[in-house]
Protein backbone atom coordinates (compact mmCIF):
# COMPACT_ATOMS: atom_id res chain seq x y z
CA MET A 1 -30.42 28.47 55.18
CA ALA A 2 -32.98 27.26 52.63
CA THR A 3 -32.96 23.70 51.10
CA PHE A 4 -35.04 22.34 48.29
CA ALA A 5 -36.40 18.92 47.90
CA GLU A 6 -35.85 18.29 44.16
CA THR A 7 -35.28 15.06 42.39
CA PRO A 8 -31.43 14.70 41.92
CA LEU A 9 -29.97 14.98 38.41
CA CYS A 10 -28.84 11.63 37.16
CA ILE A 11 -26.47 11.33 34.20
CA LEU A 12 -26.26 7.88 32.63
CA VAL A 13 -23.04 7.00 31.01
CA LYS A 14 -22.47 3.64 29.32
CA SER A 15 -19.25 2.22 30.57
CA ARG A 16 -16.94 0.37 28.09
CA PRO A 17 -15.04 -2.65 29.18
CA LYS A 18 -11.43 -1.73 29.48
CA GLU A 19 -9.10 -3.61 27.09
CA LYS A 20 -5.37 -3.75 26.91
CA LYS A 21 -3.71 -3.41 23.59
CA GLY A 22 -3.52 -6.78 21.81
CA SER A 23 -5.91 -8.39 24.18
CA PRO A 24 -7.48 -11.65 22.93
CA SER A 25 -10.90 -10.12 22.93
CA ARG A 26 -9.80 -7.52 20.42
CA ASP A 27 -8.16 -9.78 17.76
CA GLY A 28 -10.37 -12.81 18.33
CA GLY A 29 -7.72 -14.70 20.19
CA ARG A 30 -5.80 -15.24 17.00
CA LYS A 31 -2.09 -14.41 16.54
CA LYS A 32 -1.10 -12.44 13.43
CA PRO A 33 0.35 -14.56 10.72
CA MET A 34 4.07 -14.42 10.14
CA LEU A 35 5.49 -13.17 6.86
CA LYS A 36 6.56 -16.60 5.95
CA GLU A 37 3.06 -17.96 6.53
CA LEU A 38 1.65 -15.27 4.31
CA GLN A 39 4.24 -15.95 1.58
CA GLU A 40 3.41 -19.68 1.60
CA LYS A 41 -0.30 -19.18 1.43
CA LYS A 42 -1.95 -20.31 -1.75
CA TYR A 43 -4.33 -17.63 -3.28
CA PRO A 44 -7.05 -18.30 -5.91
CA PHE A 45 -5.42 -16.02 -8.42
CA SER A 46 -1.96 -16.03 -10.18
CA ASP A 47 0.74 -13.44 -9.58
CA LEU A 48 0.10 -12.11 -13.22
CA ASP A 49 -3.65 -11.57 -12.29
CA LEU A 50 -2.46 -9.63 -9.28
CA LEU A 51 -0.39 -7.34 -11.34
CA ARG A 52 -3.31 -6.76 -13.73
CA MET A 53 -5.63 -6.04 -10.72
CA LEU A 54 -3.15 -3.52 -9.27
CA ASP A 55 -2.64 -1.86 -12.70
CA GLY A 56 -6.43 -1.57 -12.98
CA LEU A 57 -6.82 -0.07 -9.56
CA LEU A 58 -4.08 2.45 -10.37
CA GLN A 59 -5.54 3.40 -13.74
CA SER A 60 -9.09 3.87 -12.19
CA ARG A 61 -7.46 5.92 -9.39
CA ILE A 62 -8.97 3.73 -6.69
CA ILE A 63 -5.54 3.54 -5.12
CA LYS A 64 -2.55 5.86 -5.51
CA LEU A 65 1.04 5.09 -4.84
CA PRO A 66 2.93 7.53 -2.64
CA ALA A 67 5.65 9.73 -4.16
CA PRO A 68 9.23 8.20 -3.78
CA ASN A 69 11.26 9.63 -1.05
CA ARG A 70 14.41 9.63 -3.28
CA PRO A 71 13.12 10.10 -6.92
CA GLU A 72 16.72 10.02 -8.30
CA GLU A 73 17.13 6.48 -7.00
CA ALA A 74 13.66 5.17 -8.06
CA GLY A 75 15.00 3.22 -11.12
CA ARG A 76 18.00 1.73 -9.32
CA THR A 77 18.28 -2.03 -8.65
CA ASN A 78 20.76 -4.01 -6.53
CA ASN A 79 21.34 -6.35 -9.52
CA PRO A 80 25.03 -5.96 -10.43
CA GLY A 81 24.25 -7.49 -13.97
CA HIS A 82 22.10 -4.41 -14.86
CA SER A 83 23.41 -0.94 -15.31
C-alpha cells in the first residue's frame, strides 16, 4: 500500500451567525409600529400632496397598480347613500 505525504486540502468557509426569525439583531431590537401608531404619525406633507405624489408616480410608470381581482366590483362602495 502506497501513501503520499502531501499538504492536505483546506477549504475555508465563512460561517454566518445563526439568527432566528424576528431576532432583535435583525430588526435592531425595535418592535414594528402598530397600525394605530402609523395612522397617528404626523408627516411633513398633506394628504392632498400624497395624492399628487401617487398620481405622478403612476403617470411616470414608476409604480403600477395590480389588476383588480373582481373588475366588475371595482367601482362599488359600501356607502348606502350612493348607487
